[in-house]
């Protein structure tokens, strides 16, 4: 891949991330006040767009999910709380976060997930070595958070709380999120 093409891809990815963070900040006179406002502005994909293999391994309704399994609503709430867009890098971070935050995850689960997601996932969803580095960042941060099993957290009860209040309740630190984002950008630069 040429340097010019890599630069364009990087710029598009950066634009999507900035646009997402900007959208989170807009609403209710310039500031999203609650999780409900942020979720409404998020605009993620419906469950019907999730490929079968991803559903099979990541959804709690599946008979074969990995630890860290999470339903789409909670998954999208984590996108908001962790300031993540829907790029494949950000998806890798979210999946890593939920697996790292689940005490049932072990080295075998992680190694098997990395193999399956990099070889068997549909092409548009496959993780490459850069995505797996970002998965590892999410894994480490999810493990670091004191509140475990955030995958089971009832976000519906917190719809009218601010994102800051929910982060505080769960032990998610905004500064750390921003440092991880900068680290991700450094690791994935063309």
Protein backbone atom coordinates (compact mmCIF):
# COMPACT_ATOMS: atom_id res chain seq x y z
CA UNK A 1 0.00 0.00 0.00
CA UNK A 2 1.39 3.40 -0.96
CA UNK A 3 2.26 6.06 1.61
CA UNK A 4 -0.33 8.40 0.10
CA UNK A 5 -3.08 5.78 0.45
CA UNK A 6 -2.05 4.99 4.04
CA UNK A 7 -2.13 8.73 4.83
CA UNK A 8 -5.63 9.06 3.37
CA UNK A 9 -6.85 6.06 5.38
CA UNK A 10 -5.32 7.50 8.55
CA UNK A 11 -6.89 10.93 7.89
CA UNK A 12 -10.34 9.39 7.29
CA UNK A 13 -10.04 7.36 10.49
CA UNK A 14 -8.98 10.44 12.44
CA UNK A 15 -11.88 12.43 10.97
CA UNK A 16 -14.36 9.72 12.01
CA UNK A 17 -12.98 9.71 15.56
CA UNK A 18 -13.08 13.51 15.87
CA UNK A 19 -16.58 13.60 14.39
CA UNK A 20 -17.75 10.98 16.91
CA UNK A 21 -16.26 12.85 19.89
CA UNK A 22 -17.76 16.09 18.56
CA UNK A 23 -21.20 14.47 18.24
CA UNK A 24 -20.95 13.28 21.84
CA UNK A 25 -20.34 16.84 22.97
CA UNK A 26 -23.22 18.32 20.96
CA UNK A 27 -26.83 18.21 22.14
CA UNK A 28 -28.79 20.00 24.83
CA UNK A 29 -27.20 23.39 24.18
CA UNK A 30 -23.75 22.05 23.35
CA UNK A 31 -23.34 19.33 25.98
CA UNK A 32 -24.77 15.86 26.16
CA UNK A 33 -26.22 15.70 29.61
CA UNK A 34 -27.24 12.08 29.95
CA UNK A 35 -26.54 8.59 28.70
CA UNK A 36 -29.95 8.63 27.00
CA UNK A 37 -28.97 11.74 24.97
CA UNK A 38 -25.63 10.24 24.00
CA UNK A 39 -27.16 6.90 23.04
CA UNK A 40 -29.76 8.63 20.89
CA UNK A 41 -27.00 10.54 19.07
CA UNK A 42 -24.80 7.45 18.66
CA UNK A 43 -26.54 5.80 15.71
CA UNK A 44 -24.95 2.35 15.81
CA UNK A 45 -25.93 -0.65 13.69
CA UNK A 46 -28.99 -2.75 14.53
CA UNK A 47 -28.40 -6.32 15.81
CA UNK A 48 -29.44 -7.69 12.40
CA UNK A 49 -26.22 -6.28 10.88
CA UNK A 50 -24.01 -8.32 13.22
CA UNK A 51 -22.39 -11.22 11.32
CA UNK A 52 -23.31 -14.66 12.67
CA UNK A 53 -19.81 -15.65 13.83
CA UNK A 54 -19.42 -12.40 15.79
CA UNK A 55 -22.85 -12.91 17.36
CA UNK A 56 -21.93 -16.51 18.17
CA UNK A 57 -18.73 -15.57 20.02
CA UNK A 58 -19.57 -12.19 21.55
CA UNK A 59 -23.30 -12.16 22.39
CA UNK A 60 -24.62 -13.45 25.74
CA UNK A 61 -27.66 -15.00 23.99
CA UNK A 62 -25.32 -17.29 22.04
CA UNK A 63 -24.60 -20.85 23.19
CA UNK A 64 -20.82 -20.31 22.63
CA UNK A 65 -19.79 -16.83 23.77
CA UNK A 66 -16.36 -15.91 25.07
CA UNK A 67 -16.01 -14.32 28.49
CA UNK A 68 -16.74 -10.61 28.18
CA UNK A 69 -19.86 -11.39 26.15
CA UNK A 70 -22.09 -8.33 26.02
CA UNK A 71 -25.37 -7.41 24.38
CA UNK A 72 -25.39 -4.72 21.72
CA UNK A 73 -27.04 -2.05 23.90
CA UNK A 74 -24.42 -2.37 26.65
CA UNK A 75 -21.68 -2.61 24.01
CA UNK A 76 -22.87 0.70 22.53
CA UNK A 77 -23.00 2.27 26.00
CA UNK A 78 -19.34 1.35 26.40
CA UNK A 79 -18.58 3.10 23.11
CA UNK A 80 -19.99 6.24 24.74
CA UNK A 81 -18.30 5.87 28.13
CA UNK A 82 -14.93 5.01 26.58
CA UNK A 83 -15.24 7.68 23.83
CA UNK A 84 -14.93 5.16 21.02
CA UNK A 85 -16.31 5.37 17.49
CA UNK A 86 -17.21 2.37 15.34
CA UNK A 87 -13.89 1.92 13.56
CA UNK A 88 -12.43 -1.59 13.65
CA UNK A 89 -9.74 -0.29 16.01
CA UNK A 90 -12.36 0.99 18.42
CA UNK A 91 -14.33 -2.25 18.16
CA UNK A 92 -11.13 -4.13 19.03
CA UNK A 93 -10.65 -1.88 22.05
CA UNK A 94 -14.24 -2.42 23.27
CA UNK A 95 -14.05 -6.20 22.88
CA UNK A 96 -10.67 -6.24 24.64
CA UNK A 97 -12.09 -4.07 27.41
CA UNK A 98 -15.06 -6.37 28.05
CA UNK A 99 -12.88 -9.50 27.99
CA UNK A 100 -10.30 -7.91 30.29
CA UNK A 101 -13.04 -6.76 32.65
CA UNK A 102 -14.53 -10.26 32.98
CA UNK A 103 -12.79 -12.28 35.74
CA UNK A 104 -13.65 -15.48 33.82
CA UNK A 105 -11.31 -14.52 30.94
CA UNK A 106 -8.04 -16.40 30.84
CA UNK A 107 -5.03 -16.63 28.52
CA UNK A 108 -6.57 -19.48 26.52
CA UNK A 109 -9.77 -17.48 25.83
CA UNK A 110 -7.74 -14.47 24.75
CA UNK A 111 -5.41 -16.45 22.47
CA UNK A 112 -8.34 -18.32 20.88
CA UNK A 113 -10.33 -15.11 20.38
CA UNK A 114 -7.33 -13.44 18.72
CA UNK A 115 -6.91 -16.39 16.38
CA UNK A 116 -10.59 -16.55 15.41
CA UNK A 117 -11.00 -12.78 15.02
CA UNK A 118 -7.91 -12.51 12.82
CA UNK A 119 -8.50 -15.56 10.64
CA UNK A 120 -12.17 -16.57 10.63
CA UNK A 121 -14.13 -13.34 11.14
CA UNK A 122 -15.67 -11.88 7.95
CA UNK A 123 -13.07 -9.82 6.03
CA UNK A 124 -14.55 -6.42 6.97
CA UNK A 125 -14.43 -7.40 10.66
CA UNK A 126 -11.09 -9.23 10.81
CA UNK A 127 -8.47 -7.95 13.22
CA UNK A 128 -4.93 -7.55 11.93
CA UNK A 129 -1.84 -7.19 14.13
CA UNK A 130 -2.51 -3.45 14.69
CA UNK A 131 -6.10 -4.14 15.73
CA UNK A 132 -4.87 -6.80 18.13
CA UNK A 133 -2.50 -4.29 19.75
CA UNK A 134 -5.50 -2.05 20.39
CA UNK A 135 -7.45 -5.08 21.64
CA UNK A 136 -4.61 -5.57 24.14
CA UNK A 137 -4.89 -1.92 25.28
CA UNK A 138 -8.60 -2.48 25.92
CA UNK A 139 -7.86 -5.78 27.65
CA UNK A 140 -5.37 -4.13 30.03
CA UNK A 141 -7.66 -1.20 30.80
CA UNK A 142 -10.72 -3.42 31.32
CA UNK A 143 -8.72 -5.51 33.76
CA UNK A 144 -7.51 -2.41 35.60
CA UNK A 145 -11.02 -1.09 36.32
CA UNK A 146 -12.15 -1.98 39.85
CA UNK A 147 -15.76 -2.59 38.80
CA UNK A 148 -15.78 -6.04 37.25
CA UNK A 149 -18.31 -7.52 34.83
CA UNK A 150 -19.37 -4.17 33.40
CA UNK A 151 -20.92 -6.35 30.69
CA UNK A 152 -23.74 -7.01 33.19
CA UNK A 153 -24.14 -3.39 34.34
CA UNK A 154 -27.75 -2.22 34.01
CA UNK A 155 -27.29 0.95 31.97
CA UNK A 156 -31.09 1.34 31.72
CA UNK A 157 -31.12 2.43 35.37
CA UNK A 158 -28.59 5.16 34.53
CA UNK A 159 -30.25 6.64 31.43
CA UNK A 160 -30.77 10.00 33.12
CA UNK A 161 -27.33 10.19 34.71
CA UNK A 162 -24.53 12.12 33.07
CA UNK A 163 -21.75 10.25 31.33
CA UNK A 164 -19.36 11.70 33.92
CA UNK A 165 -21.45 10.31 36.79
CA UNK A 166 -21.59 6.86 35.23
CA UNK A 167 -17.85 6.86 34.55
CA UNK A 168 -17.21 7.84 38.16
CA UNK A 169 -19.51 5.06 39.40
CA UNK A 170 -17.72 2.46 37.28
CA UNK A 171 -14.20 3.77 37.90
CA UNK A 172 -13.59 4.78 34.28
CA UNK A 173 -11.11 7.65 34.20
CA UNK A 174 -11.44 10.21 31.40
CA UNK A 175 -7.74 11.12 31.48
CA UNK A 176 -6.77 7.45 31.08
CA UNK A 177 -9.21 7.11 28.17
CA UNK A 178 -7.56 10.07 26.46
CA UNK A 179 -4.05 8.69 27.05
CA UNK A 180 -5.13 5.34 25.62
CA UNK A 181 -6.55 7.11 22.57
CA UNK A 182 -3.22 8.89 22.01
CA UNK A 183 -1.38 5.61 22.46
CA UNK A 184 -3.68 3.98 19.91
CA UNK A 185 -3.01 6.78 17.45
CA UNK A 186 0.74 6.34 17.87
CA UNK A 187 0.53 2.56 17.44
CA UNK A 188 -1.62 2.76 14.32
CA UNK A 189 -0.03 5.61 12.43
CA UNK A 190 0.93 4.67 8.87
